[in-house]
Protein backbone atom coordinates (compact mmCIF):
# COMPACT_ATOMS: atom_id res chain seq x y z
CA MET A 1 -15.31 29.95 87.19
CA LYS A 2 -16.67 26.80 88.29
CA LYS A 3 -20.24 27.78 86.56
CA ARG A 4 -17.76 28.86 83.55
CA VAL A 5 -16.31 25.70 83.50
CA ILE A 6 -19.17 23.17 83.91
CA LEU A 7 -20.84 25.25 81.01
CA THR A 8 -18.12 24.30 78.48
CA GLY A 9 -17.49 21.10 79.52
CA LEU A 10 -21.04 20.96 79.22
CA PHE A 11 -20.95 22.36 75.79
CA VAL A 12 -18.19 20.32 74.61
CA CYS A 13 -19.93 17.07 75.70
CA VAL A 14 -22.67 17.87 73.13
CA LEU A 15 -21.05 18.93 70.18
CA MET A 16 -18.91 16.09 70.47
CA TRP A 17 -22.14 13.49 70.68
CA GLY A 18 -23.84 15.68 67.87
CA SER A 19 -21.09 15.31 66.00
CA ALA A 20 -20.88 11.88 65.74
CA GLY A 21 -23.78 11.89 63.25
CA THR A 22 -25.28 8.96 65.15
CA ALA A 23 -29.46 9.72 64.57
CA ARG A 24 -31.24 7.75 67.58
CA ALA A 25 -34.39 5.93 67.59
CA ASP A 26 -37.66 7.70 68.47
CA GLY A 27 -38.17 6.13 72.21
CA ALA A 28 -34.49 7.28 72.28
CA LYS A 29 -33.30 10.15 70.94
CA GLU A 30 -32.60 13.49 73.27
CA ASP A 31 -34.04 16.92 72.35
CA LEU A 32 -30.78 18.03 71.25
CA CYS A 33 -32.57 20.89 69.28
CA GLY A 34 -34.33 22.05 72.99
CA CYS A 35 -31.50 21.81 74.23
CA CYS A 36 -28.91 24.14 72.33
CA ASP A 37 -31.91 26.50 72.71
CA ASP A 38 -31.24 26.25 76.85
CA LEU A 39 -28.19 26.27 76.64
CA ILE A 40 -27.64 29.36 74.21
CA LYS A 41 -29.87 31.17 77.05
CA ALA A 42 -27.91 30.40 79.55
CA LEU A 43 -24.70 31.43 77.77
CA MET A 44 -26.01 35.00 76.88
CA GLU A 45 -27.48 34.80 80.74
CA ASP A 46 -24.46 34.44 82.25
CA PRO A 47 -21.98 37.89 83.29
CA ALA A 48 -19.20 36.26 83.73
CA ILE A 49 -18.64 35.45 79.62
CA SER A 50 -17.44 37.54 77.01
CA ALA A 51 -19.40 38.57 74.80
CA LYS A 52 -17.10 37.33 71.77
CA THR A 53 -17.24 33.82 73.74
CA LYS A 54 -20.86 34.00 73.57
CA GLU A 55 -21.09 34.26 69.98
CA ALA A 56 -18.84 31.97 69.41
CA LEU A 57 -20.41 29.37 71.30
CA SER A 58 -23.80 29.89 69.71
CA ARG A 59 -23.04 29.65 66.25
CA PHE A 60 -21.26 26.18 67.19
CA ALA A 61 -24.56 25.53 69.02
CA GLN A 62 -26.26 26.19 65.69
CA ALA A 63 -24.03 24.40 63.37
CA VAL A 64 -24.54 21.07 66.03
CA VAL A 65 -28.57 21.83 65.26
CA LYS A 66 -28.31 22.06 61.93
CA LYS A 67 -26.25 19.18 61.24
CA GLN A 68 -28.86 17.07 63.58
CA GLU A 69 -31.32 18.13 61.31
CA ARG A 70 -29.38 16.47 58.26
CA THR A 71 -28.97 13.31 60.03
CA SER A 72 -32.35 13.37 60.99
CA SER A 73 -33.40 14.11 57.05
CA VAL A 74 -31.34 10.48 56.45
CA THR A 75 -32.73 8.65 58.59
CA LEU A 76 -36.29 10.11 58.58
CA GLY A 77 -36.95 10.97 54.38
CA VAL A 78 -34.88 12.27 52.02
CA SER A 79 -34.81 16.65 51.86
CA ASP A 80 -35.48 18.54 48.78
CA GLU A 81 -32.12 19.59 48.43
CA MET A 82 -30.56 15.89 48.67
CA LEU A 83 -33.27 14.88 46.29
CA SER A 84 -32.62 17.50 43.75
CA GLU A 85 -29.03 16.76 44.08
CA LYS A 86 -29.54 12.96 43.60
CA ILE A 87 -31.12 13.33 40.21
CA GLY A 88 -28.80 15.86 39.06
CA GLU A 89 -26.08 13.30 39.79
CA TRP A 90 -28.13 10.61 37.75
CA PHE A 91 -28.51 12.85 34.71
CA MET A 92 -25.07 13.47 34.84
CA ASP A 93 -24.01 9.10 34.78
CA LYS A 94 -22.07 8.95 31.66
CA SER A 95 -22.31 5.42 31.90
CA ARG A 96 -26.76 5.59 32.68
CA ILE A 97 -26.41 8.08 28.86
CA LYS A 98 -24.62 5.48 27.03
CA ASN A 99 -26.99 2.55 27.84
CA ALA A 100 -30.00 4.91 26.79
CA ASP A 101 -28.59 5.46 23.68
CA ASP A 102 -27.99 2.19 22.66
CA LEU A 103 -31.23 1.39 24.18
CA PHE A 104 -33.23 4.05 21.55
CA GLY A 105 -30.91 4.14 18.86
CA THR A 106 -29.48 7.52 19.27
CA LYS A 107 -26.17 6.40 19.89
CA ASP A 108 -23.37 8.62 17.89
CA ARG A 109 -25.81 11.36 16.52
CA LYS A 110 -25.40 13.55 14.29
CA GLY A 111 -26.49 16.91 13.05
CA ILE A 112 -28.78 17.99 10.57
CA PHE A 113 -25.73 18.99 8.22
CA GLU A 114 -23.34 15.86 9.59
CA ARG A 115 -26.27 13.84 7.53
CA LEU A 116 -26.84 15.84 4.67
CA ASN A 117 -24.60 15.48 1.49
CA ILE A 118 -25.27 17.81 -1.43
CA TYR A 119 -23.65 16.83 -4.51
CA GLY A 120 -23.52 17.99 -8.58
CA ASN A 121 -21.50 18.36 -11.72
CA ILE A 122 -21.94 20.98 -14.86
CA ARG A 123 -21.01 19.45 -17.98
CA MET A 124 -20.22 21.29 -21.58
CA ARG A 125 -20.09 19.17 -24.85
CA TYR A 126 -18.99 19.40 -28.21
CA GLN A 127 -19.88 17.09 -30.57
CA LEU A 128 -18.87 16.37 -34.37
CA SER A 129 -20.64 13.78 -36.67
CA THR A 130 -19.13 13.44 -40.06
CA ASN A 131 -19.60 10.57 -43.03
CA ARG A 132 -22.85 10.29 -42.18
CA ASP A 133 -23.68 8.24 -45.69
CA ARG A 134 -26.61 7.07 -47.11
CA TYR A 135 -27.75 6.10 -50.07
CA THR A 136 -30.95 4.73 -51.59
CA GLN A 137 -33.28 4.84 -54.63
CA ARG A 138 -36.21 5.98 -53.17
CA TYR A 139 -38.58 7.56 -56.27
CA GLY A 140 -35.24 7.69 -58.26
CA TRP A 141 -32.87 10.23 -56.38
CA GLN A 142 -30.07 9.55 -53.77
CA GLU A 143 -30.38 11.11 -50.18
CA THR A 144 -27.00 12.16 -48.43
CA ARG A 145 -26.78 13.61 -45.24
CA CYS A 146 -24.86 16.30 -44.05
CA ASP A 147 -22.27 16.62 -41.46
CA ARG A 148 -23.36 17.65 -37.85
CA SER A 149 -21.69 19.88 -35.29
CA ASN A 150 -23.65 20.83 -31.91
CA PHE A 151 -22.95 22.12 -27.90
CA SER A 152 -24.73 20.97 -25.59
CA THR A 153 -24.62 21.01 -21.14
CA ARG A 154 -25.57 18.71 -18.55
CA PHE A 155 -26.35 20.02 -14.55
CA ARG A 156 -27.56 17.30 -12.32
CA LEU A 157 -27.76 18.75 -8.46
CA GLY A 158 -28.96 16.32 -5.95
CA PHE A 159 -29.01 15.16 -2.01
CA GLU A 160 -28.23 11.95 -0.13
CA TYR A 161 -29.81 12.53 3.71
CA GLU A 162 -28.57 10.04 6.62
CA VAL A 163 -32.35 9.51 8.49
CA ASN A 164 -30.85 7.02 10.89
CA PRO A 165 -27.24 5.04 10.40
CA ASP A 166 -29.76 1.96 8.40
CA MET A 167 -31.59 4.66 6.48
CA TRP A 168 -31.28 7.19 3.70
CA VAL A 169 -33.44 9.21 1.29
CA GLY A 170 -32.49 11.05 -1.83
CA ALA A 171 -33.11 13.13 -5.12
CA ARG A 172 -31.83 13.75 -7.94
CA VAL A 173 -32.95 16.93 -10.90
CA THR A 174 -31.17 17.13 -14.12
CA THR A 175 -31.39 18.83 -17.58
CA GLY A 176 -32.33 16.89 -20.62
CA SER A 177 -36.04 16.32 -21.95
CA HIS A 178 -38.40 14.18 -19.42
CA ASP A 179 -39.17 11.46 -22.03
CA ASN A 180 -35.76 10.50 -22.78
CA ALA A 181 -34.23 7.95 -20.56
CA ASN A 182 -31.00 7.65 -22.17
CA THR A 183 -29.54 10.88 -22.43
CA ALA A 184 -29.81 14.35 -20.25
CA GLU A 185 -27.88 16.76 -22.45
CA SER A 186 -29.47 19.61 -23.13
CA GLY A 187 -28.49 21.34 -26.75
CA TRP A 188 -27.97 24.33 -27.53
CA ASP A 189 -29.94 25.03 -30.54
CA ASN A 190 -33.68 26.18 -29.70
CA ASP A 191 -34.19 29.52 -30.17
CA PHE A 192 -32.30 30.26 -26.80
CA SER A 193 -35.50 29.21 -24.89
CA LYS A 194 -35.12 27.96 -21.53
CA TRP A 195 -33.76 24.49 -20.45
CA ASP A 196 -35.66 21.50 -19.01
CA ILE A 197 -35.34 20.50 -15.35
CA ASN A 198 -36.72 17.37 -14.57
CA LEU A 199 -36.28 14.85 -11.77
CA ASP A 200 -34.63 11.75 -12.20
CA ARG A 201 -33.90 10.44 -8.54
CA VAL A 202 -35.75 9.60 -5.62
CA TYR A 203 -35.44 6.91 -3.86
CA ILE A 204 -34.98 5.18 0.02
CA LYS A 205 -32.11 3.51 0.86
CA TYR A 206 -32.54 0.69 3.50
CA ALA A 207 -29.59 -1.42 5.05
CA PRO A 208 -30.70 -3.17 8.12
CA PHE A 209 -27.37 -4.41 9.28
CA ASN A 210 -25.36 -1.24 8.28
CA THR A 211 -24.46 -0.48 11.74
CA ASN A 212 -24.31 -4.22 12.91
CA ALA A 213 -23.56 -6.97 10.34
CA LEU A 214 -25.65 -9.67 10.02
CA LYS A 215 -23.31 -13.13 11.27
CA ILE A 216 -24.02 -16.27 9.24
CA GLY A 217 -21.69 -18.57 11.17
CA GLU A 218 -18.45 -17.12 11.46
CA ASN A 219 -19.11 -14.38 7.61
CA GLU A 220 -20.38 -11.27 7.80
CA ALA A 221 -23.62 -10.36 5.30
CA LYS A 222 -24.79 -7.00 4.75
CA LEU A 223 -28.22 -5.92 2.67
CA ASP A 224 -28.92 -3.19 0.63
CA ILE A 225 -32.45 -2.09 -0.25
CA TYR A 226 -33.38 0.10 -2.58
CA LEU A 227 -37.13 2.08 -3.32
CA GLY A 228 -38.33 4.22 -5.59
CA LYS A 229 -36.29 5.81 -8.49
CA PHE A 230 -32.41 5.53 -8.48
CA GLN A 231 -29.11 4.07 -10.29
CA HIS A 232 -28.88 0.51 -11.94
CA HIS A 233 -24.85 0.22 -11.12
CA TRP A 234 -25.39 0.96 -7.49
CA LEU A 235 -26.31 -2.94 -7.29
CA PHE A 236 -25.35 -4.44 -10.94
CA LEU A 237 -22.25 -4.90 -12.67
CA THR A 238 -22.89 -3.62 -16.50
CA GLY A 239 -20.63 -1.68 -19.12
CA PRO A 240 -21.67 1.68 -20.60
CA GLU A 241 -23.45 0.07 -23.62
CA PHE A 242 -25.29 -2.72 -21.77
CA TRP A 243 -27.07 0.02 -19.30
CA ASP A 244 -26.98 3.57 -20.05
CA GLY A 245 -25.63 4.91 -16.81
CA ASP A 246 -28.01 8.09 -17.58
CA VAL A 247 -31.07 5.63 -17.42
CA GLN A 248 -33.11 5.75 -13.62
CA PRO A 249 -35.22 2.32 -13.22
CA GLU A 250 -38.01 2.63 -11.47
CA GLY A 251 -39.29 -0.13 -8.83
CA VAL A 252 -37.38 -1.67 -5.95
CA ALA A 253 -33.78 -3.80 -6.20
CA ALA A 254 -31.99 -5.87 -3.46
CA GLY A 255 -28.29 -7.14 -2.74
CA LEU A 256 -27.01 -9.32 -0.51
CA LYS A 257 -23.37 -8.89 0.15
CA PHE A 258 -21.45 -12.14 1.47
CA TYR A 259 -17.99 -11.94 2.88
CA PRO A 260 -16.45 -15.27 3.22
CA LYS A 261 -14.07 -15.52 6.15
CA ASP A 262 -10.60 -17.14 5.29
CA CYS A 263 -11.31 -17.88 1.80
CA ASN A 264 -8.22 -18.83 -0.50
CA PHE A 265 -11.25 -17.93 -3.58
CA VAL A 266 -13.32 -15.31 -3.23
CA ASP A 267 -13.56 -12.35 -0.96
CA LEU A 268 -17.09 -11.18 -1.81
CA VAL A 269 -20.07 -13.08 -3.44
CA GLN A 270 -23.70 -10.40 -3.92
CA LEU A 271 -26.89 -11.56 -5.35
CA SER A 272 -28.52 -8.80 -6.60
CA LEU A 273 -32.56 -8.38 -7.72
CA ALA A 274 -34.79 -5.99 -9.09
CA GLY A 275 -38.14 -6.10 -10.48
CA TYR A 276 -38.48 -2.41 -12.41
CA VAL A 277 -42.03 -1.07 -13.70
CA ILE A 278 -41.86 0.26 -17.32
CA ALA A 279 -45.14 1.06 -18.56
CA GLU A 280 -48.65 0.39 -17.10
CA GLU A 281 -51.39 0.02 -19.65
CA PRO A 282 -54.77 -0.22 -19.23
CA ASN A 283 -55.80 -1.99 -22.22
CA ASN A 284 -52.73 -4.22 -22.44
CA ASP A 285 -50.25 -6.44 -19.46
CA ASP A 286 -48.31 -4.05 -18.24
CA ALA A 287 -44.39 -3.82 -18.91
CA SER A 288 -41.82 -4.61 -16.64
CA THR A 289 -38.49 -5.55 -16.06
CA PHE A 290 -36.79 -8.44 -13.62
CA ALA A 291 -33.21 -8.69 -13.00
CA ALA A 292 -30.78 -11.12 -11.31
CA GLN A 293 -27.11 -11.20 -10.62
CA LEU A 294 -24.69 -13.23 -9.35
CA ARG A 295 -21.13 -11.18 -8.61
CA LEU A 296 -18.04 -12.65 -7.43
CA GLU A 297 -14.97 -10.28 -6.29
CA LYS A 298 -11.39 -11.30 -5.34
CA SER A 299 -8.25 -9.24 -4.81
CA VAL A 300 -4.65 -10.77 -4.67
CA ASP A 301 -1.22 -10.05 -4.44
CA TYR A 302 1.48 -10.81 -6.56
CA HIS A 303 3.85 -8.66 -7.91
CA GLY A 304 1.74 -6.41 -7.53
CA LYS A 305 -2.35 -5.95 -6.84
CA TRP A 306 -4.97 -7.93 -8.88
CA ASP A 307 -8.55 -7.23 -8.52
CA PHE A 308 -10.77 -9.31 -10.14
CA LYS A 309 -14.96 -9.47 -10.60
CA VAL A 310 -17.27 -11.73 -12.50
CA ALA A 311 -20.83 -11.84 -12.72
CA GLY A 312 -23.53 -13.40 -14.73
CA ALA A 313 -26.98 -11.96 -14.36
CA PHE A 314 -30.34 -12.72 -16.45
CA TYR A 315 -32.75 -9.87 -17.74
CA ASP A 316 -36.05 -10.41 -18.67
CA PHE A 317 -38.02 -7.78 -20.14
CA ASN A 318 -41.56 -8.27 -20.07
CA ASP A 319 -44.14 -7.83 -22.25
CA PRO A 320 -42.57 -5.41 -24.40
CA GLU A 321 -45.16 -5.40 -27.05
CA SER A 322 -47.47 -3.64 -24.72
CA PHE A 323 -45.80 -0.58 -25.59
CA ASN A 324 -47.94 1.45 -27.49
CA ASN A 325 -46.64 4.79 -30.38
CA GLY A 326 -47.15 6.71 -27.61
CA SER A 327 -44.57 5.27 -25.59
CA SER A 328 -40.82 6.70 -25.65
CA ILE A 329 -39.29 3.70 -26.62
CA TRP A 330 -41.31 4.14 -29.66
CA ASN A 331 -39.31 6.05 -32.44
CA SER A 332 -39.50 5.60 -36.26
CA SER A 333 -38.03 2.34 -37.70
CA GLY A 334 -34.94 3.01 -39.52
CA SER A 335 -33.70 5.95 -37.08
CA ASP A 336 -30.67 6.44 -35.66
CA SER A 337 -31.39 6.39 -31.96
CA PHE A 338 -33.95 3.05 -32.17
CA SER A 339 -32.42 0.17 -33.68
CA ASN A 340 -34.39 -2.69 -32.32
CA GLY A 341 -36.16 -4.77 -34.83
CA LEU A 342 -40.17 -3.66 -35.55
CA ARG A 343 -42.31 -4.84 -38.22
CA ASN A 344 -45.71 -3.35 -38.59
CA ALA A 345 -48.57 -5.19 -35.90
CA PRO A 346 -50.71 -7.67 -37.57
CA GLY A 347 -54.28 -6.08 -38.15
CA GLY A 348 -52.66 -2.71 -37.19
CA ILE A 349 -54.39 0.59 -38.70
CA GLY A 350 -53.92 4.14 -38.05
CA SER A 351 -51.26 6.41 -39.06
CA PRO A 352 -48.04 5.90 -38.34
CA THR A 353 -49.17 2.05 -38.31
CA PRO A 354 -49.09 0.51 -35.28
CA GLN A 355 -45.64 -1.85 -34.93
CA GLU A 356 -43.95 -4.62 -32.82
CA PHE A 357 -40.95 -5.95 -31.79
CA ILE A 358 -39.54 -8.91 -33.61
CA SER A 359 -38.23 -10.57 -30.98
CA ASP A 360 -38.81 -10.65 -27.21
CA PHE A 361 -35.79 -10.28 -24.99
CA GLU A 362 -34.85 -12.18 -22.27
CA LEU A 363 -30.86 -11.06 -21.69
CA LEU A 364 -27.96 -13.23 -20.25
CA HIS A 365 -25.14 -11.47 -19.33
CA PHE A 366 -21.79 -12.41 -18.71
CA TYR A 367 -19.36 -9.76 -17.25
CA THR A 368 -15.08 -9.81 -16.38
CA GLN A 369 -13.05 -7.07 -15.19
CA VAL A 370 -9.32 -7.23 -14.31
CA THR A 371 -7.33 -5.13 -12.98
CA TYR A 372 -3.58 -5.12 -12.23
CA THR A 373 -1.87 -2.29 -10.31
CA GLY A 374 1.88 -3.14 -10.57
CA ILE A 375 3.63 -1.27 -13.73
CA GLU A 376 5.50 2.37 -12.96
CA ILE A 377 4.63 4.45 -15.51
CA LEU A 378 5.98 8.21 -15.70
CA ASN A 379 7.00 7.69 -12.42
CA GLN A 380 3.27 6.27 -11.04
CA VAL A 381 2.43 2.82 -10.43
CA ARG A 382 -0.90 3.32 -12.56
CA PRO A 383 -3.39 0.99 -12.98
CA ILE A 384 -4.38 -1.40 -16.34
CA SER A 385 -8.13 -2.61 -16.38
CA LEU A 386 -9.85 -5.20 -18.95
CA LEU A 387 -13.12 -5.47 -19.33
CA PHE A 388 -14.85 -8.37 -21.70
CA GLU A 389 -18.85 -8.13 -21.71
CA TYR A 390 -20.85 -10.85 -23.70
CA THR A 391 -24.43 -10.75 -24.05
CA HIS A 392 -27.31 -13.19 -25.48
CA ASN A 393 -31.14 -12.58 -26.30
CA THR A 394 -32.06 -16.45 -25.74
CA ASN A 395 -35.66 -15.93 -26.90
CA ALA A 396 -35.03 -13.24 -30.38
CA GLY A 397 -37.42 -13.61 -33.44
CA GLU A 398 -36.42 -14.42 -36.74
CA ASP A 399 -36.64 -11.23 -39.09
CA TYR A 400 -38.95 -13.02 -41.86
CA VAL A 401 -39.04 -9.42 -43.42
CA TYR A 402 -35.26 -8.88 -44.73
CA GLY A 403 -34.33 -12.30 -44.36
CA HIS A 404 -32.12 -11.95 -41.66
CA GLY A 405 -32.62 -14.54 -39.28
CA ASP A 406 -32.16 -13.97 -35.09
CA GLN A 407 -29.91 -11.13 -34.66
CA ASN A 408 -29.12 -12.23 -31.08
CA LYS A 409 -25.51 -11.96 -29.74
CA GLY A 410 -22.85 -8.99 -28.49
CA TYR A 411 -19.92 -8.12 -26.61
CA ASN A 412 -17.73 -5.41 -26.12
CA ILE A 413 -13.87 -5.23 -24.89
CA LEU A 414 -12.60 -2.18 -22.61
CA LEU A 415 -8.86 -1.66 -22.37
CA TYR A 416 -7.90 1.50 -19.85
CA LEU A 417 -4.48 2.58 -18.60
CA GLY A 418 -4.08 5.07 -15.49
CA LYS A 419 -6.53 7.00 -12.56
CA LEU A 420 -8.35 9.76 -11.81
CA LYS A 421 -8.08 11.02 -8.43
CA LYS A 422 -5.97 14.41 -7.83
CA GLN A 423 -4.91 16.69 -10.54
CA GLY A 424 -2.81 16.05 -12.97
CA ASP A 425 -3.90 12.02 -12.65
CA TRP A 426 -4.79 10.96 -17.21
CA LYS A 427 -6.81 7.57 -18.16
CA VAL A 428 -6.58 6.30 -21.72
CA GLY A 429 -8.94 3.38 -23.17
CA TYR A 430 -9.75 1.74 -26.44
CA GLY A 431 -12.92 0.37 -26.75
CA TYR A 432 -14.69 -2.87 -29.18
CA PHE A 433 -18.34 -2.92 -29.89
CA ASN A 434 -20.30 -5.37 -31.63
CA PHE A 435 -24.29 -6.02 -31.20
CA GLU A 436 -26.19 -7.80 -33.36
CA ARG A 437 -29.99 -6.03 -33.32
CA ASP A 438 -32.20 -7.31 -30.76
CA SER A 439 -29.01 -8.44 -28.38
CA LEU A 440 -29.52 -5.59 -26.24
CA PHE A 441 -33.06 -3.63 -25.47
CA THR A 442 -32.44 -0.31 -26.50
CA LEU A 443 -34.91 1.43 -23.96
CA VAL A 444 -31.81 0.96 -21.45
CA SER A 445 -28.76 0.96 -23.59
CA GLY A 446 -26.23 3.30 -24.14
CA ASN A 447 -26.46 6.38 -27.37
CA ASP A 448 -22.31 6.96 -27.57
CA PHE A 449 -22.69 5.90 -31.11
CA PRO A 450 -25.41 6.77 -33.17
CA TRP A 451 -27.06 4.09 -32.98
CA GLN A 452 -28.04 2.11 -29.29
CA THR A 453 -27.48 -1.61 -31.33
CA ASN A 454 -26.87 -3.23 -34.42
CA TYR A 455 -23.34 -2.05 -35.22
CA ASP A 456 -19.71 -2.73 -34.88
CA GLY A 457 -17.41 0.21 -33.91
CA HIS A 458 -14.25 1.43 -31.60
CA TRP A 459 -13.63 4.39 -29.70
CA ILE A 460 -10.69 5.99 -27.80
CA ASP A 461 -11.22 7.54 -24.71
CA THR A 462 -8.90 9.66 -23.27
CA TYR A 463 -9.13 11.70 -19.71
CA TYR A 464 -6.94 14.48 -17.79
CA ARG A 465 -7.77 15.87 -14.65
CA MET A 466 -7.22 19.87 -14.76
CA PHE A 467 -7.82 19.93 -10.91
CA ASP A 468 -9.19 17.76 -8.24
CA ASN A 469 -12.09 18.74 -8.98
CA THR A 470 -12.21 19.50 -13.31
CA THR A 471 -12.00 16.74 -15.97
CA LEU A 472 -11.67 16.79 -19.75
CA HIS A 473 -12.66 14.38 -21.71
CA THR A 474 -12.15 13.74 -25.13
CA GLN A 475 -13.47 10.37 -27.10
CA PHE A 476 -13.40 9.28 -30.89
CA PHE A 477 -15.74 6.86 -32.10
CA PHE A 478 -15.75 4.87 -35.51
CA GLY A 479 -18.89 2.99 -35.87
CA LYS A 480 -20.77 0.78 -38.58
CA GLN A 481 -24.53 0.08 -38.74
CA LYS A 482 -24.62 -4.01 -39.58
CA ILE A 483 -27.74 -4.29 -41.13
CA ASP A 484 -29.91 -1.93 -42.54
CA ASP A 485 -33.43 -2.06 -42.07
CA SER A 486 -35.39 1.21 -43.33
CA MET A 487 -38.76 0.93 -44.31
CA TYR A 488 -37.05 2.54 -47.89
CA GLU A 489 -37.45 0.01 -50.45
CA GLY A 490 -34.16 -0.56 -53.12
CA ALA A 491 -30.98 -0.78 -53.04
CA ARG A 492 -29.57 0.21 -49.65
CA SER A 493 -25.83 0.61 -48.36
CA ASP A 494 -24.33 0.30 -44.07
CA ARG A 495 -24.59 3.53 -42.94
CA THR A 496 -20.31 4.93 -41.69
CA ASN A 497 -19.82 7.42 -39.01
CA PHE A 498 -17.30 9.38 -37.42
CA ARG A 499 -17.85 10.98 -34.18
CA LEU A 500 -15.30 13.73 -31.73
CA ARG A 501 -16.47 14.70 -28.23
CA VAL A 502 -15.02 17.21 -26.47
CA GLU A 503 -15.71 17.55 -22.72
CA ILE A 504 -15.51 19.80 -19.59
CA LEU A 505 -16.92 18.77 -16.32
CA VAL A 506 -16.78 20.11 -13.10
CA ASN A 507 -17.50 18.13 -10.18
CA PHE A 508 -18.87 19.69 -6.53
């Protein structure tokens, strides 16, 4: 009995010593593992202790040994098990992951389909042109031009992909002839032949301060840069006739947006610059375009919301005389689609006779738009928008052939009521246009009327949103050519034209 008490007391002391977890230095530590082995042997040889007590005390002794081994590994080194556990905790540390994402630009990482935006539309159009009169006395007979009606289709499909939060790439294909920049229509008139599909956008957009705005003092600023073939209207304010929406220039453009803080006069100041390549000529100067525009915007709440946009721009179409007869800008003099003043090139030979522009094209362009949202019409508040544009060619030449002088000024007025956001919405408008012959550059100007410049005319515009993504659009035009610069000799008359368009546009 005495021996059992001694052994039990010794074992309890050893257990208490081991559970304290105190690691000894090498010179003073006890051989605990050896002691426990001796204790287990003694327990097994003592006949006075029951088998169950032996088994229980043996398990306790083994547990003490294992704990001592773990404590010693902390003192003398780190075990593989503990090292793996620490590495796992490091990888699961969310604060560390956030810091690494911030450092390497992977914060808020998106999947490929979240970064990809696919868009497009299909438009079906019917057009009727009437009263296309023209009377001449060439060879002693009169010429008249008959009325025309036609159907056409426009299809567009594009994508934009977010490379990172500050950079995007995009492209778009469209129907239409590849050598006509002003339209994407494919007519139903070519013996059931297939329609052309052409690439009309390929670009890189870089916005270095999109994630973190550039600070200029206490004011914020952002910069958008486009490179490739893209939409001019993304950075420049223009109406539909000064720069046609179908024309996608090629080059580089940048827009710096400045947001003044606590300014009573302006909410946005934007400076946009662009350089476009028109034609590269091996034997002549290259033709190009330089554009610069300063834009101001302001919103005011006064019995409703007023939005003001004002812009002034300068467009320099450099060396247009370098265009040759093979370029898409050249059409026969006096044709419906081309109306800039042309004359035979001095010393020109060949058939057709080489021609050159009467004028250079250095255009001043002024844009003013006011939108008011505060009038309730048919139980809904609908916006009213008024747009006025003026253009002046500062380098227009005198027309010595027909004696018309310089034709350098033009303007238009557009008035719209309503908006298009959801099914059942409608929008109506009226426009008046008056452009002298060289006040627009017809490589980029609109082609809604039969002439791209050198006319005055009116249109009535209506839209109805049939479904959330489907719009019925109708337009009625009346226009008259200002000067007939045809090559025909003898009496000539101004041309007049009535035009009707009915379209269904489906966006997706």
